[in-house]
Amino acid sequence: MTDKNPEIKEIDRLIDRFANDNITPEDQKTLIRLLGDEDNADIPAGLESRLAAAIDRAAESEDLRGRIRVKEHGKGRRWRILAGIAASVAVALTLGVHLLNRDLHTAPPTPRDTYTNPEDAYAEVQKALEIFSTTLGKGMRKVEMVENTTADIQSKITSQLQKTSTPKNDRI
């Protein structure tokens, strides 16, 4: 790769400044001088009209592409709306058929642990409360045992600490 001609580098720099709207009047004059005088430039005959026609064709094709995209987008949107409506109708029909086909007169099944006789129910409640009371009593006895053990350990530790913290007066 060869280095650019210094004149071309200067043109590139000035064009960048012009594109960024940072060009000074002196730089404009230099750019015009480097690019050549407009009146002396060799512009082929008909180039301007051919460029204008090409730009018009490009703009027209862009306009057509934009319209086609909108129409395709419109079709896709319509299909999505129709699919959403169809899905909603299907859900409503399924729910309606399910609700109509179920038997409204059947009562929910009776749980196994219910009693028709109040005396039997009372006896079962009493038995459950006795089991609960017994279990609670066992738990409370274990809590008391732990409290007593903790108190014994705490008193032993306290006595050990008192023995070690008192100074011995053997060496007087």
N, C-alpha and C. Protein backbone atom coordinates (compact mmCIF):
# COMPACT_ATOMS: atom_id res chain seq x y z
N MET A 1 0.84 -1.17 0.00
CA MET A 1 0.00 0.00 0.00
C MET A 1 0.89 1.24 0.00
N THR A 2 0.64 2.14 -0.92
CA THR A 2 1.45 3.35 -1.01
C THR A 2 0.79 4.47 -0.25
N ASP A 3 1.61 5.41 0.21
CA ASP A 3 1.08 6.57 0.92
C ASP A 3 0.35 7.46 -0.06
N LYS A 4 -0.66 8.14 0.45
CA LYS A 4 -1.41 9.07 -0.38
C LYS A 4 -0.57 10.29 -0.68
N ASN A 5 -0.84 10.86 -1.80
CA ASN A 5 -0.24 12.12 -2.18
C ASN A 5 -0.60 13.15 -1.12
N PRO A 6 0.30 14.01 -0.70
CA PRO A 6 -0.01 15.02 0.32
C PRO A 6 -1.17 15.92 -0.09
N GLU A 7 -1.31 16.17 -1.35
CA GLU A 7 -2.41 17.00 -1.83
C GLU A 7 -3.74 16.29 -1.61
N ILE A 8 -3.78 14.97 -1.82
CA ILE A 8 -5.01 14.18 -1.61
C ILE A 8 -5.33 14.11 -0.12
N LYS A 9 -4.30 13.96 0.71
CA LYS A 9 -4.52 13.96 2.16
C LYS A 9 -5.15 15.28 2.61
N GLU A 10 -4.64 16.38 2.05
CA GLU A 10 -5.19 17.70 2.39
C GLU A 10 -6.64 17.81 1.94
N ILE A 11 -6.95 17.29 0.75
CA ILE A 11 -8.34 17.32 0.25
C ILE A 11 -9.23 16.50 1.19
N ASP A 12 -8.77 15.31 1.58
CA ASP A 12 -9.55 14.47 2.51
C ASP A 12 -9.81 15.20 3.82
N ARG A 13 -8.78 15.83 4.34
CA ARG A 13 -8.93 16.56 5.60
C ARG A 13 -9.93 17.69 5.47
N LEU A 14 -9.84 18.44 4.37
CA LEU A 14 -10.76 19.57 4.17
C LEU A 14 -12.18 19.10 3.93
N ILE A 15 -12.34 18.01 3.22
CA ILE A 15 -13.70 17.48 2.99
C ILE A 15 -14.30 17.02 4.32
N ASP A 16 -13.50 16.38 5.17
CA ASP A 16 -14.00 15.98 6.50
C ASP A 16 -14.43 17.19 7.31
N ARG A 17 -13.65 18.24 7.27
CA ARG A 17 -14.00 19.46 7.99
C ARG A 17 -15.27 20.08 7.42
N PHE A 18 -15.40 20.02 6.09
CA PHE A 18 -16.60 20.56 5.44
C PHE A 18 -17.83 19.74 5.84
N ALA A 19 -17.69 18.39 5.88
CA ALA A 19 -18.81 17.52 6.24
C ALA A 19 -19.23 17.73 7.69
N ASN A 20 -18.28 18.05 8.54
CA ASN A 20 -18.58 18.28 9.97
C ASN A 20 -18.93 19.73 10.26
N ASP A 21 -19.00 20.56 9.23
CA ASP A 21 -19.35 21.97 9.33
C ASP A 21 -18.34 22.73 10.20
N ASN A 22 -17.07 22.36 10.05
CA ASN A 22 -15.98 23.01 10.78
C ASN A 22 -14.99 23.67 9.82
N ILE A 23 -15.41 24.04 8.66
CA ILE A 23 -14.49 24.58 7.66
C ILE A 23 -14.47 26.10 7.74
N THR A 24 -13.27 26.65 7.62
CA THR A 24 -13.11 28.11 7.65
C THR A 24 -13.14 28.64 6.21
N PRO A 25 -13.35 29.93 6.03
CA PRO A 25 -13.35 30.48 4.67
C PRO A 25 -12.02 30.24 3.94
N GLU A 26 -10.90 30.29 4.66
CA GLU A 26 -9.61 30.03 4.04
C GLU A 26 -9.52 28.58 3.57
N ASP A 27 -10.05 27.64 4.43
CA ASP A 27 -10.04 26.23 4.05
C ASP A 27 -10.94 25.99 2.84
N GLN A 28 -12.07 26.71 2.75
CA GLN A 28 -12.95 26.59 1.59
C GLN A 28 -12.21 27.00 0.32
N LYS A 29 -11.49 28.11 0.39
CA LYS A 29 -10.74 28.58 -0.79
C LYS A 29 -9.68 27.56 -1.18
N THR A 30 -9.02 26.97 -0.17
CA THR A 30 -7.99 25.97 -0.46
C THR A 30 -8.61 24.74 -1.10
N LEU A 31 -9.76 24.30 -0.59
CA LEU A 31 -10.45 23.13 -1.14
C LEU A 31 -10.87 23.38 -2.57
N ILE A 32 -11.41 24.57 -2.86
CA ILE A 32 -11.82 24.90 -4.23
C ILE A 32 -10.60 24.91 -5.14
N ARG A 33 -9.52 25.47 -4.67
CA ARG A 33 -8.30 25.53 -5.48
C ARG A 33 -7.77 24.13 -5.76
N LEU A 34 -7.79 23.24 -4.70
CA LEU A 34 -7.27 21.88 -4.89
C LEU A 34 -8.16 21.04 -5.80
N LEU A 35 -9.46 21.25 -5.72
CA LEU A 35 -10.38 20.47 -6.54
C LEU A 35 -10.45 21.01 -7.98
N GLY A 36 -10.05 22.21 -8.18
CA GLY A 36 -10.06 22.76 -9.53
C GLY A 36 -11.21 23.72 -9.69
N ASP A 37 -11.09 24.57 -10.64
CA ASP A 37 -12.12 25.56 -10.92
C ASP A 37 -13.30 24.90 -11.58
N GLU A 38 -14.48 25.30 -11.21
CA GLU A 38 -15.70 24.71 -11.74
C GLU A 38 -15.85 24.96 -13.23
N ASP A 39 -15.45 26.11 -13.69
CA ASP A 39 -15.60 26.44 -15.10
C ASP A 39 -14.63 25.67 -15.98
N ASN A 40 -13.48 25.30 -15.47
CA ASN A 40 -12.48 24.61 -16.28
C ASN A 40 -12.59 23.09 -16.18
N ALA A 41 -13.44 22.55 -15.31
CA ALA A 41 -13.55 21.10 -15.13
C ALA A 41 -14.13 20.46 -16.37
N ASP A 42 -13.65 19.28 -16.70
CA ASP A 42 -14.14 18.54 -17.86
C ASP A 42 -15.28 17.63 -17.42
N ILE A 43 -16.51 18.12 -17.53
CA ILE A 43 -17.70 17.35 -17.17
C ILE A 43 -18.29 16.82 -18.47
N PRO A 44 -18.49 15.50 -18.55
CA PRO A 44 -19.05 14.94 -19.79
C PRO A 44 -20.44 15.50 -20.06
N ALA A 45 -20.77 15.62 -21.31
CA ALA A 45 -22.08 16.15 -21.70
C ALA A 45 -23.16 15.16 -21.28
N GLY A 46 -24.23 15.67 -20.70
CA GLY A 46 -25.37 14.84 -20.31
C GLY A 46 -25.21 14.14 -18.96
N LEU A 47 -24.08 14.32 -18.31
CA LEU A 47 -23.86 13.66 -17.02
C LEU A 47 -24.86 14.12 -15.99
N GLU A 48 -25.14 15.41 -15.97
CA GLU A 48 -26.07 15.96 -14.99
C GLU A 48 -27.46 15.37 -15.16
N SER A 49 -27.93 15.29 -16.39
CA SER A 49 -29.28 14.74 -16.62
C SER A 49 -29.34 13.26 -16.30
N ARG A 50 -28.25 12.52 -16.61
CA ARG A 50 -28.23 11.09 -16.27
C ARG A 50 -28.22 10.87 -14.76
N LEU A 51 -27.46 11.69 -14.03
CA LEU A 51 -27.45 11.59 -12.57
C LEU A 51 -28.81 11.92 -11.98
N ALA A 52 -29.46 12.95 -12.49
CA ALA A 52 -30.78 13.32 -11.99
C ALA A 52 -31.78 12.20 -12.24
N ALA A 53 -31.73 11.57 -13.41
CA ALA A 53 -32.64 10.48 -13.72
C ALA A 53 -32.38 9.28 -12.82
N ALA A 54 -31.11 8.98 -12.54
CA ALA A 54 -30.78 7.86 -11.67
C ALA A 54 -31.27 8.12 -10.25
N ILE A 55 -31.13 9.35 -9.78
CA ILE A 55 -31.61 9.70 -8.44
C ILE A 55 -33.12 9.57 -8.36
N ASP A 56 -33.82 10.03 -9.40
CA ASP A 56 -35.28 9.92 -9.42
C ASP A 56 -35.72 8.46 -9.40
N ARG A 57 -35.06 7.61 -10.19
CA ARG A 57 -35.41 6.18 -10.22
C ARG A 57 -35.18 5.55 -8.84
N ALA A 58 -34.07 5.90 -8.20
CA ALA A 58 -33.78 5.34 -6.87
C ALA A 58 -34.82 5.77 -5.85
N ALA A 59 -35.21 7.04 -5.92
CA ALA A 59 -36.22 7.54 -4.98
C ALA A 59 -37.55 6.85 -5.22
N GLU A 60 -37.90 6.64 -6.48
CA GLU A 60 -39.17 5.98 -6.81
C GLU A 60 -39.17 4.54 -6.34
N SER A 61 -38.06 3.83 -6.53
CA SER A 61 -38.01 2.43 -6.08
C SER A 61 -38.05 2.34 -4.56
N GLU A 62 -37.43 3.29 -3.87
CA GLU A 62 -37.52 3.33 -2.40
C GLU A 62 -38.95 3.54 -1.96
N ASP A 63 -39.65 4.43 -2.65
CA ASP A 63 -41.04 4.71 -2.31
C ASP A 63 -41.90 3.47 -2.52
N LEU A 64 -41.67 2.74 -3.61
CA LEU A 64 -42.43 1.51 -3.87
C LEU A 64 -42.11 0.45 -2.82
N ARG A 65 -40.83 0.31 -2.47
CA ARG A 65 -40.48 -0.68 -1.46
C ARG A 65 -41.13 -0.37 -0.12
N GLY A 66 -41.19 0.92 0.22
CA GLY A 66 -41.83 1.31 1.47
C GLY A 66 -43.32 0.97 1.46
N ARG A 67 -44.00 1.20 0.33
CA ARG A 67 -45.42 0.88 0.24
C ARG A 67 -45.65 -0.62 0.29
N ILE A 68 -44.79 -1.38 -0.36
CA ILE A 68 -44.95 -2.83 -0.35
C ILE A 68 -44.78 -3.36 1.07
N ARG A 69 -43.80 -2.85 1.80
CA ARG A 69 -43.60 -3.30 3.18
C ARG A 69 -44.81 -2.99 4.04
N VAL A 70 -45.39 -1.83 3.83
CA VAL A 70 -46.56 -1.46 4.62
C VAL A 70 -47.72 -2.39 4.30
N LYS A 71 -47.89 -2.70 3.02
CA LYS A 71 -48.99 -3.60 2.66
C LYS A 71 -48.76 -4.99 3.22
N GLU A 72 -47.51 -5.51 3.13
CA GLU A 72 -47.23 -6.82 3.70
C GLU A 72 -47.42 -6.80 5.21
N HIS A 73 -46.98 -5.72 5.84
CA HIS A 73 -47.14 -5.59 7.29
C HIS A 73 -48.62 -5.56 7.64
N GLY A 74 -49.42 -4.88 6.82
CA GLY A 74 -50.85 -4.81 7.06
C GLY A 74 -51.51 -6.17 6.97
N LYS A 75 -51.10 -6.99 5.99
CA LYS A 75 -51.66 -8.34 5.87
C LYS A 75 -51.30 -9.18 7.08
N GLY A 76 -50.05 -9.12 7.49
CA GLY A 76 -49.61 -9.89 8.66
C GLY A 76 -50.35 -9.46 9.91
N ARG A 77 -50.59 -8.17 10.02
CA ARG A 77 -51.31 -7.66 11.19
C ARG A 77 -52.75 -8.16 11.19
N ARG A 78 -53.37 -8.14 10.00
CA ARG A 78 -54.75 -8.65 9.91
C ARG A 78 -54.82 -10.12 10.31
N TRP A 79 -53.86 -10.92 9.84
CA TRP A 79 -53.87 -12.34 10.18
C TRP A 79 -53.66 -12.55 11.67
N ARG A 80 -52.80 -11.74 12.28
CA ARG A 80 -52.61 -11.87 13.72
C ARG A 80 -53.87 -11.51 14.48
N ILE A 81 -54.57 -10.49 14.04
CA ILE A 81 -55.82 -10.10 14.70
C ILE A 81 -56.85 -11.20 14.56
N LEU A 82 -56.97 -11.76 13.34
CA LEU A 82 -57.93 -12.84 13.11
C LEU A 82 -57.57 -14.08 13.94
N ALA A 83 -56.29 -14.39 14.04
CA ALA A 83 -55.87 -15.55 14.83
C ALA A 83 -56.19 -15.33 16.31
N GLY A 84 -56.01 -14.12 16.80
CA GLY A 84 -56.34 -13.82 18.19
C GLY A 84 -57.83 -13.96 18.46
N ILE A 85 -58.65 -13.48 17.54
CA ILE A 85 -60.11 -13.60 17.69
C ILE A 85 -60.51 -15.07 17.67
N ALA A 86 -59.93 -15.85 16.74
CA ALA A 86 -60.26 -17.27 16.65
C ALA A 86 -59.86 -18.00 17.93
N ALA A 87 -58.71 -17.67 18.47
CA ALA A 87 -58.27 -18.32 19.72
C ALA A 87 -59.21 -17.97 20.87
N SER A 88 -59.64 -16.73 20.93
CA SER A 88 -60.57 -16.32 22.00
C SER A 88 -61.89 -17.06 21.89
N VAL A 89 -62.40 -17.20 20.68
CA VAL A 89 -63.66 -17.92 20.47
C VAL A 89 -63.49 -19.38 20.86
N ALA A 90 -62.35 -19.99 20.50
CA ALA A 90 -62.11 -21.39 20.84
C ALA A 90 -62.07 -21.59 22.35
N VAL A 91 -61.42 -20.68 23.07
CA VAL A 91 -61.37 -20.78 24.53
C VAL A 91 -62.77 -20.63 25.13
N ALA A 92 -63.54 -19.68 24.62
CA ALA A 92 -64.89 -19.47 25.14
C ALA A 92 -65.77 -20.69 24.88
N LEU A 93 -65.68 -21.27 23.70
CA LEU A 93 -66.48 -22.47 23.39
C LEU A 93 -66.08 -23.65 24.27
N THR A 94 -64.81 -23.85 24.45
CA THR A 94 -64.34 -24.96 25.27
C THR A 94 -64.82 -24.81 26.71
N LEU A 95 -64.72 -23.62 27.24
CA LEU A 95 -65.18 -23.37 28.61
C LEU A 95 -66.69 -23.58 28.72
N GLY A 96 -67.43 -23.09 27.73
CA GLY A 96 -68.88 -23.26 27.76
C GLY A 96 -69.29 -24.72 27.69
N VAL A 97 -68.67 -25.50 26.81
CA VAL A 97 -69.00 -26.92 26.70
C VAL A 97 -68.66 -27.64 28.00
N HIS A 98 -67.53 -27.31 28.60
CA HIS A 98 -67.16 -27.96 29.86
C HIS A 98 -68.17 -27.64 30.96
N LEU A 99 -68.56 -26.39 31.05
CA LEU A 99 -69.51 -26.01 32.11
C LEU A 99 -70.88 -26.62 31.87
N LEU A 100 -71.30 -26.76 30.64
CA LEU A 100 -72.61 -27.34 30.36
C LEU A 100 -72.64 -28.85 30.56
N ASN A 101 -71.54 -29.53 30.33
CA ASN A 101 -71.51 -30.99 30.41
C ASN A 101 -71.31 -31.51 31.83
N ARG A 102 -70.88 -30.70 32.74
CA ARG A 102 -70.70 -31.21 34.10
C ARG A 102 -72.06 -31.29 34.79
N ASP A 103 -72.19 -32.20 35.70
CA ASP A 103 -73.45 -32.40 36.39
C ASP A 103 -73.51 -31.43 37.57
N LEU A 104 -74.44 -30.50 37.51
CA LEU A 104 -74.54 -29.47 38.54
C LEU A 104 -75.18 -29.99 39.82
N HIS A 105 -75.85 -31.14 39.75
CA HIS A 105 -76.60 -31.63 40.91
C HIS A 105 -75.79 -32.57 41.80
N THR A 106 -74.60 -32.91 41.39
CA THR A 106 -73.81 -33.80 42.24
C THR A 106 -73.12 -32.99 43.31
N ALA A 107 -73.19 -33.49 44.50
CA ALA A 107 -72.54 -32.83 45.64
C ALA A 107 -71.08 -33.27 45.68
N PRO A 108 -70.25 -32.47 46.22
CA PRO A 108 -68.85 -32.89 46.33
C PRO A 108 -68.77 -34.12 47.24
N PRO A 109 -67.78 -34.95 47.01
CA PRO A 109 -67.68 -36.17 47.84
C PRO A 109 -67.49 -35.83 49.31
N THR A 110 -68.09 -36.65 50.15
CA THR A 110 -68.01 -36.44 51.59
C THR A 110 -66.66 -36.94 52.08
N PRO A 111 -65.96 -36.13 52.83
CA PRO A 111 -64.67 -36.60 53.36
C PRO A 111 -64.85 -37.79 54.27
N ARG A 112 -63.82 -38.64 54.35
CA ARG A 112 -63.91 -39.87 55.12
C ARG A 112 -63.98 -39.62 56.62
N ASP A 113 -63.44 -38.53 57.09
CA ASP A 113 -63.36 -38.35 58.54
C ASP A 113 -64.53 -37.56 59.12
N THR A 114 -65.62 -37.48 58.42
CA THR A 114 -66.79 -36.80 58.99
C THR A 114 -67.75 -37.85 59.55
N TYR A 115 -68.53 -37.42 60.53
CA TYR A 115 -69.45 -38.33 61.21
C TYR A 115 -70.86 -37.80 61.10
N THR A 116 -71.77 -38.73 60.97
CA THR A 116 -73.18 -38.34 60.96
C THR A 116 -73.74 -38.32 62.39
N ASN A 117 -73.13 -39.08 63.29
CA ASN A 117 -73.58 -39.17 64.67
C ASN A 117 -72.73 -38.22 65.53
N PRO A 118 -73.32 -37.26 66.23
CA PRO A 118 -72.54 -36.31 67.04
C PRO A 118 -71.77 -36.98 68.17
N GLU A 119 -72.30 -38.07 68.75
CA GLU A 119 -71.59 -38.73 69.83
C GLU A 119 -70.28 -39.34 69.34
N ASP A 120 -70.31 -39.95 68.15
CA ASP A 120 -69.09 -40.52 67.58
C ASP A 120 -68.07 -39.42 67.28
N ALA A 121 -68.54 -38.30 66.78
CA ALA A 121 -67.65 -37.19 66.47
C ALA A 121 -67.01 -36.66 67.75
N TYR A 122 -67.81 -36.54 68.83
CA TYR A 122 -67.29 -36.06 70.11
C TYR A 122 -66.23 -37.01 70.65
N ALA A 123 -66.47 -38.30 70.53
CA ALA A 123 -65.51 -39.30 71.03
C ALA A 123 -64.20 -39.20 70.25
N GLU A 124 -64.26 -38.99 68.95
CA GLU A 124 -63.04 -38.87 68.15
C GLU A 124 -62.27 -37.59 68.48
N VAL A 125 -62.99 -36.51 68.71
CA VAL A 125 -62.34 -35.25 69.08
C VAL A 125 -61.65 -35.41 70.43
N GLN A 126 -62.33 -36.07 71.36
CA GLN A 126 -61.76 -36.28 72.69
C GLN A 126 -60.49 -37.13 72.59
N LYS A 127 -60.51 -38.19 71.76
CA LYS A 127 -59.35 -39.04 71.59
C LYS A 127 -58.18 -38.24 70.98
N ALA A 128 -58.47 -37.39 69.98
CA ALA A 128 -57.42 -36.58 69.34
C ALA A 128 -56.82 -35.59 70.34
N LEU A 129 -57.66 -34.99 71.17
CA LEU A 129 -57.15 -34.04 72.17
C LEU A 129 -56.31 -34.73 73.23
N GLU A 130 -56.67 -35.96 73.61
CA GLU A 130 -55.85 -36.72 74.57
C GLU A 130 -54.48 -37.03 73.99
N ILE A 131 -54.42 -37.42 72.72
CA ILE A 131 -53.13 -37.70 72.07
C ILE A 131 -52.29 -36.43 72.03
N PHE A 132 -52.95 -35.33 71.70
CA PHE A 132 -52.24 -34.03 71.64
C PHE A 132 -51.70 -33.65 73.02
N SER A 133 -52.51 -33.84 74.04
CA SER A 133 -52.11 -33.49 75.40
C SER A 133 -50.94 -34.35 75.86
N THR A 134 -51.00 -35.64 75.58
CA THR A 134 -49.92 -36.55 75.98
C THR A 134 -48.62 -36.15 75.30
N THR A 135 -48.69 -35.89 74.02
CA THR A 135 -47.49 -35.50 73.27
C THR A 135 -46.95 -34.18 73.78
N LEU A 136 -47.84 -33.24 74.08
CA LEU A 136 -47.40 -31.95 74.61
C LEU A 136 -46.74 -32.12 75.96
N GLY A 137 -47.29 -32.98 76.79
CA GLY A 137 -46.70 -33.24 78.11
C GLY A 137 -45.29 -33.82 77.98
N LYS A 138 -45.10 -34.76 77.05
CA LYS A 138 -43.78 -35.35 76.84
C LYS A 138 -42.79 -34.28 76.40
N GLY A 139 -43.24 -33.42 75.50
CA GLY A 139 -42.37 -32.34 75.01
C GLY A 139 -42.00 -31.39 76.13
N MET A 140 -42.95 -31.07 77.00
CA MET A 140 -42.69 -30.15 78.11
C MET A 140 -41.71 -30.76 79.10
N ARG A 141 -41.82 -32.07 79.34
CA ARG A 141 -40.88 -32.73 80.25
C ARG A 141 -39.46 -32.66 79.68
N LYS A 142 -39.32 -32.83 78.39
CA LYS A 142 -37.98 -32.75 77.77
C LYS A 142 -37.44 -31.33 77.86
N VAL A 143 -38.31 -30.34 77.70
CA VAL A 143 -37.87 -28.95 77.82
C VAL A 143 -37.39 -28.68 79.24
N GLU A 144 -38.13 -29.17 80.23
CA GLU A 144 -37.71 -28.98 81.63
C GLU A 144 -36.37 -29.65 81.89
N MET A 145 -36.16 -30.86 81.32
CA MET A 145 -34.91 -31.57 81.50
C MET A 145 -33.75 -30.77 80.89
N VAL A 146 -33.97 -30.19 79.75
CA VAL A 146 -32.93 -29.38 79.11
C VAL A 146 -32.66 -28.14 79.94
N GLU A 147 -33.70 -27.50 80.48
CA GLU A 147 -33.50 -26.32 81.32
C GLU A 147 -32.69 -26.68 82.57
N ASN A 148 -33.01 -27.81 83.18
CA ASN A 148 -32.26 -28.23 84.38
C ASN A 148 -30.81 -28.52 84.04
N THR A 149 -30.57 -29.20 82.95
CA THR A 149 -29.20 -29.51 82.54
C THR A 149 -28.44 -28.23 82.26
N THR A 150 -29.08 -27.28 81.59
CA THR A 150 -28.43 -26.01 81.29
C THR A 150 -28.11 -25.25 82.57
N ALA A 151 -29.00 -25.28 83.53
CA ALA A 151 -28.76 -24.60 84.80
C ALA A 151 -27.59 -25.25 85.54
N ASP A 152 -27.50 -26.60 85.54
CA ASP A 152 -26.39 -27.29 86.18
C ASP A 152 -25.06 -26.92 85.53
N ILE A 153 -25.05 -26.91 84.21
CA ILE A 153 -23.82 -26.58 83.48
C ILE A 153 -23.42 -25.14 83.77
N GLN A 154 -24.38 -24.25 83.80
CA GLN A 154 -24.09 -22.84 84.06
C GLN A 154 -23.53 -22.66 85.47
N SER A 155 -24.08 -23.36 86.45
CA SER A 155 -23.56 -23.24 87.82
C SER A 155 -22.15 -23.81 87.92
N LYS A 156 -21.85 -24.90 87.23
CA LYS A 156 -20.51 -25.47 87.25
C LYS A 156 -19.51 -24.51 86.61
N ILE A 157 -19.90 -23.91 85.51
CA ILE A 157 -19.00 -22.97 84.85
C ILE A 157 -18.75 -21.76 85.74
N THR A 158 -19.78 -21.28 86.38
CA THR A 158 -19.63 -20.12 87.26
C THR A 158 -18.70 -20.45 88.41
N SER A 159 -18.85 -21.63 89.00
CA SER A 159 -17.97 -21.99 90.13
C SER A 159 -16.53 -22.16 89.67
N GLN A 160 -16.32 -22.72 88.49
CA GLN A 160 -14.96 -22.86 87.94
C GLN A 160 -14.35 -21.49 87.69
N LEU A 161 -15.13 -20.56 87.16
CA LEU A 161 -14.61 -19.23 86.90
C LEU A 161 -14.26 -18.51 88.20
N GLN A 162 -15.06 -18.71 89.23
CA GLN A 162 -14.76 -18.08 90.51
C GLN A 162 -13.49 -18.65 91.13
N LYS A 163 -13.28 -19.94 90.97
CA LYS A 163 -12.08 -20.56 91.53
C LYS A 163 -10.84 -20.04 90.82
N THR A 164 -10.90 -19.89 89.53
CA THR A 164 -9.72 -19.45 88.78
C THR A 164 -9.49 -17.95 88.90
N SER A 165 -10.50 -17.18 89.20
CA SER A 165 -10.33 -15.73 89.26
C SER A 165 -9.87 -15.25 90.64
N THR A 166 -10.00 -16.05 91.70
CA THR A 166 -9.57 -15.62 93.03
C THR A 166 -8.08 -15.85 93.16
N PRO A 167 -7.33 -14.79 93.59
CA PRO A 167 -5.87 -14.94 93.73
C PRO A 167 -5.51 -15.76 94.95
N LYS A 168 -4.47 -16.51 94.83
CA LYS A 168 -3.99 -17.32 95.96
C LYS A 168 -2.99 -16.48 96.77
N ASN A 169 -3.15 -16.50 98.06
CA ASN A 169 -2.27 -15.72 98.95
C ASN A 169 -1.24 -16.62 99.61
N ASP A 170 -0.79 -17.63 98.91
CA ASP A 170 0.18 -18.56 99.48
C ASP A 170 1.57 -17.95 99.58
N ARG A 171 1.94 -17.03 98.81
CA ARG A 171 3.31 -16.52 98.74
C ARG A 171 3.46 -15.22 99.49
N ILE A 172 3.01 -14.97 100.48
CA ILE A 172 3.17 -13.69 101.18
C ILE A 172 4.41 -13.68 101.99
